[in-house]
Amino acid sequence: MKIADVLPLYPDRLWTLAKQVGVTHAVSRLPLHENGETSFEYEDLLALKQRFENFGFKLEVWSQYLFHQ
């Protein structure tokens, strides 16, 4: 069983809490450009994936339509 949570794009107290309660996988929105538009650039996607992995989460689902930022 995979325990996942919808998490914001950057580490915050929710990431820490999710880790403490055993969340191992993450759902996140796609990364954003500086102007706030969704980015589909490979480098941005890779950076987001690595950010989650560095914190100990596997980024399992990416969505353009999540409201959590």
N, C-alpha and C. Protein backbone atom coordinates (compact mmCIF):
# COMPACT_ATOMS: atom_id res chain seq x y z
N MET A 1 0.84 -1.16 0.00
CA MET A 1 0.00 0.00 0.00
C MET A 1 0.90 1.24 0.00
N LYS A 2 0.53 2.22 -0.82
CA LYS A 2 1.26 3.48 -0.87
C LYS A 2 0.47 4.53 -0.10
N ILE A 3 1.14 5.20 0.82
CA ILE A 3 0.50 6.27 1.58
C ILE A 3 0.98 7.58 0.97
N ALA A 4 0.03 8.34 0.41
CA ALA A 4 0.38 9.58 -0.29
C ALA A 4 -0.44 10.74 0.26
N ASP A 5 0.03 11.94 -0.03
CA ASP A 5 -0.67 13.16 0.36
C ASP A 5 -0.43 14.21 -0.72
N VAL A 6 -1.37 15.13 -0.85
CA VAL A 6 -1.19 16.26 -1.75
C VAL A 6 -0.33 17.28 -1.01
N LEU A 7 0.82 17.59 -1.60
CA LEU A 7 1.77 18.48 -0.95
C LEU A 7 2.07 19.68 -1.83
N PRO A 8 2.42 20.81 -1.21
CA PRO A 8 2.78 22.00 -1.98
C PRO A 8 4.11 21.81 -2.72
N LEU A 9 4.43 22.76 -3.58
CA LEU A 9 5.61 22.66 -4.43
C LEU A 9 6.93 22.71 -3.67
N TYR A 10 6.93 23.35 -2.51
CA TYR A 10 8.17 23.53 -1.75
C TYR A 10 8.02 23.01 -0.33
N PRO A 11 9.11 22.51 0.25
CA PRO A 11 9.04 21.99 1.62
C PRO A 11 8.52 23.05 2.60
N ASP A 12 7.64 22.59 3.47
CA ASP A 12 7.11 23.45 4.52
C ASP A 12 6.71 22.55 5.69
N ARG A 13 5.97 23.08 6.64
CA ARG A 13 5.61 22.28 7.81
C ARG A 13 4.71 21.11 7.44
N LEU A 14 3.93 21.23 6.36
CA LEU A 14 3.09 20.12 5.92
C LEU A 14 3.93 18.94 5.43
N TRP A 15 5.02 19.24 4.75
CA TRP A 15 5.94 18.17 4.32
C TRP A 15 6.49 17.44 5.54
N THR A 16 6.89 18.20 6.54
CA THR A 16 7.46 17.60 7.76
C THR A 16 6.42 16.75 8.47
N LEU A 17 5.22 17.26 8.60
CA LEU A 17 4.16 16.51 9.26
C LEU A 17 3.83 15.24 8.48
N ALA A 18 3.73 15.34 7.16
CA ALA A 18 3.43 14.17 6.33
C ALA A 18 4.50 13.10 6.52
N LYS A 19 5.74 13.51 6.55
CA LYS A 19 6.85 12.57 6.76
C LYS A 19 6.73 11.89 8.13
N GLN A 20 6.38 12.66 9.14
CA GLN A 20 6.27 12.13 10.51
C GLN A 20 5.16 11.09 10.64
N VAL A 21 4.08 11.23 9.86
CA VAL A 21 2.96 10.30 9.98
C VAL A 21 3.06 9.14 8.99
N GLY A 22 4.17 9.05 8.27
CA GLY A 22 4.41 7.88 7.43
C GLY A 22 4.10 8.02 5.96
N VAL A 23 3.84 9.22 5.49
CA VAL A 23 3.61 9.41 4.06
C VAL A 23 4.91 9.15 3.31
N THR A 24 4.83 8.35 2.25
CA THR A 24 6.02 8.01 1.47
C THR A 24 5.94 8.50 0.03
N HIS A 25 4.73 8.81 -0.42
CA HIS A 25 4.52 9.24 -1.80
C HIS A 25 3.78 10.57 -1.82
N ALA A 26 3.98 11.33 -2.88
CA ALA A 26 3.40 12.66 -2.95
C ALA A 26 2.62 12.87 -4.24
N VAL A 27 1.63 13.73 -4.13
CA VAL A 27 0.87 14.25 -5.26
C VAL A 27 1.12 15.74 -5.25
N SER A 28 1.47 16.31 -6.40
CA SER A 28 1.77 17.74 -6.45
C SER A 28 1.31 18.32 -7.77
N ARG A 29 1.12 19.61 -7.77
CA ARG A 29 0.81 20.29 -9.03
C ARG A 29 2.09 20.41 -9.84
N LEU A 30 1.96 20.75 -11.09
CA LEU A 30 3.12 20.97 -11.94
C LEU A 30 3.84 22.24 -11.51
N PRO A 31 5.15 22.32 -11.77
CA PRO A 31 5.89 23.52 -11.37
C PRO A 31 5.39 24.76 -12.11
N LEU A 32 5.72 25.90 -11.56
CA LEU A 32 5.28 27.17 -12.13
C LEU A 32 6.46 28.01 -12.60
N HIS A 33 6.23 28.75 -13.69
CA HIS A 33 7.20 29.76 -14.13
C HIS A 33 7.13 30.93 -13.16
N GLU A 34 8.07 31.84 -13.26
CA GLU A 34 8.07 33.02 -12.40
C GLU A 34 6.80 33.86 -12.58
N ASN A 35 6.20 33.80 -13.77
CA ASN A 35 4.98 34.57 -14.03
C ASN A 35 3.72 33.85 -13.53
N GLY A 36 3.88 32.68 -12.92
CA GLY A 36 2.74 31.96 -12.36
C GLY A 36 2.10 30.95 -13.28
N GLU A 37 2.55 30.88 -14.52
CA GLU A 37 2.00 29.91 -15.46
C GLU A 37 2.65 28.55 -15.26
N THR A 38 1.90 27.50 -15.58
CA THR A 38 2.40 26.14 -15.45
C THR A 38 3.58 25.90 -16.38
N SER A 39 4.60 25.24 -15.86
CA SER A 39 5.79 24.92 -16.65
C SER A 39 5.78 23.44 -17.01
N PHE A 40 6.06 23.16 -18.27
CA PHE A 40 6.20 21.79 -18.74
C PHE A 40 7.64 21.52 -19.17
N GLU A 41 8.55 22.42 -18.77
CA GLU A 41 9.95 22.29 -19.14
C GLU A 41 10.60 21.13 -18.38
N TYR A 42 11.42 20.37 -19.07
CA TYR A 42 12.06 19.20 -18.48
C TYR A 42 12.85 19.56 -17.23
N GLU A 43 13.62 20.64 -17.29
CA GLU A 43 14.45 21.03 -16.16
C GLU A 43 13.61 21.35 -14.92
N ASP A 44 12.47 22.00 -15.11
CA ASP A 44 11.59 22.34 -14.00
C ASP A 44 10.95 21.08 -13.41
N LEU A 45 10.54 20.16 -14.28
CA LEU A 45 9.94 18.90 -13.81
C LEU A 45 10.97 18.07 -13.03
N LEU A 46 12.19 18.01 -13.56
CA LEU A 46 13.24 17.26 -12.89
C LEU A 46 13.58 17.88 -11.53
N ALA A 47 13.66 19.20 -11.47
CA ALA A 47 13.96 19.87 -10.20
C ALA A 47 12.88 19.59 -9.17
N LEU A 48 11.63 19.60 -9.59
CA LEU A 48 10.54 19.31 -8.66
C LEU A 48 10.62 17.88 -8.15
N LYS A 49 10.85 16.95 -9.06
CA LYS A 49 10.97 15.53 -8.68
C LYS A 49 12.12 15.34 -7.69
N GLN A 50 13.25 15.97 -7.96
CA GLN A 50 14.40 15.84 -7.07
C GLN A 50 14.17 16.49 -5.71
N ARG A 51 13.43 17.58 -5.70
CA ARG A 51 13.11 18.26 -4.43
C ARG A 51 12.33 17.30 -3.52
N PHE A 52 11.35 16.61 -4.09
CA PHE A 52 10.57 15.66 -3.29
C PHE A 52 11.44 14.48 -2.86
N GLU A 53 12.25 13.96 -3.77
CA GLU A 53 13.10 12.81 -3.44
C GLU A 53 14.13 13.17 -2.37
N ASN A 54 14.67 14.37 -2.41
CA ASN A 54 15.65 14.80 -1.41
C ASN A 54 15.03 14.86 -0.01
N PHE A 55 13.73 15.06 0.04
CA PHE A 55 13.03 15.11 1.33
C PHE A 55 12.55 13.72 1.76
N GLY A 56 12.65 12.75 0.85
CA GLY A 56 12.26 11.38 1.18
C GLY A 56 10.92 10.93 0.63
N PHE A 57 10.33 11.72 -0.27
CA PHE A 57 9.06 11.35 -0.89
C PHE A 57 9.29 10.90 -2.33
N LYS A 58 8.45 9.99 -2.79
CA LYS A 58 8.43 9.66 -4.21
C LYS A 58 7.26 10.44 -4.83
N LEU A 59 7.56 11.30 -5.78
CA LEU A 59 6.52 12.08 -6.45
C LEU A 59 5.79 11.14 -7.41
N GLU A 60 4.60 10.73 -7.03
CA GLU A 60 3.86 9.69 -7.75
C GLU A 60 2.88 10.27 -8.76
N VAL A 61 2.29 11.43 -8.46
CA VAL A 61 1.27 12.01 -9.33
C VAL A 61 1.55 13.50 -9.50
N TRP A 62 1.45 13.96 -10.75
CA TRP A 62 1.58 15.38 -11.08
C TRP A 62 0.25 15.82 -11.67
N SER A 63 -0.22 16.97 -11.27
CA SER A 63 -1.48 17.46 -11.80
C SER A 63 -1.38 18.96 -12.04
N GLN A 64 -1.98 19.39 -13.11
CA GLN A 64 -2.02 20.81 -13.42
C GLN A 64 -3.13 21.51 -12.66
N TYR A 65 -4.08 20.75 -12.11
CA TYR A 65 -5.31 21.33 -11.61
C TYR A 65 -5.49 21.27 -10.09
N LEU A 66 -4.43 21.06 -9.36
CA LEU A 66 -4.54 21.08 -7.91
C LEU A 66 -4.55 22.52 -7.41
N PHE A 67 -5.32 22.79 -6.39
CA PHE A 67 -5.40 24.13 -5.84
C PHE A 67 -4.34 24.39 -4.79
N HIS A 68 -3.73 23.32 -4.27
CA HIS A 68 -2.72 23.41 -3.20
C HIS A 68 -1.43 23.98 -3.78
N GLN A 69 -0.95 25.10 -3.26
CA GLN A 69 0.30 25.68 -3.76
C GLN A 69 1.26 25.93 -2.64
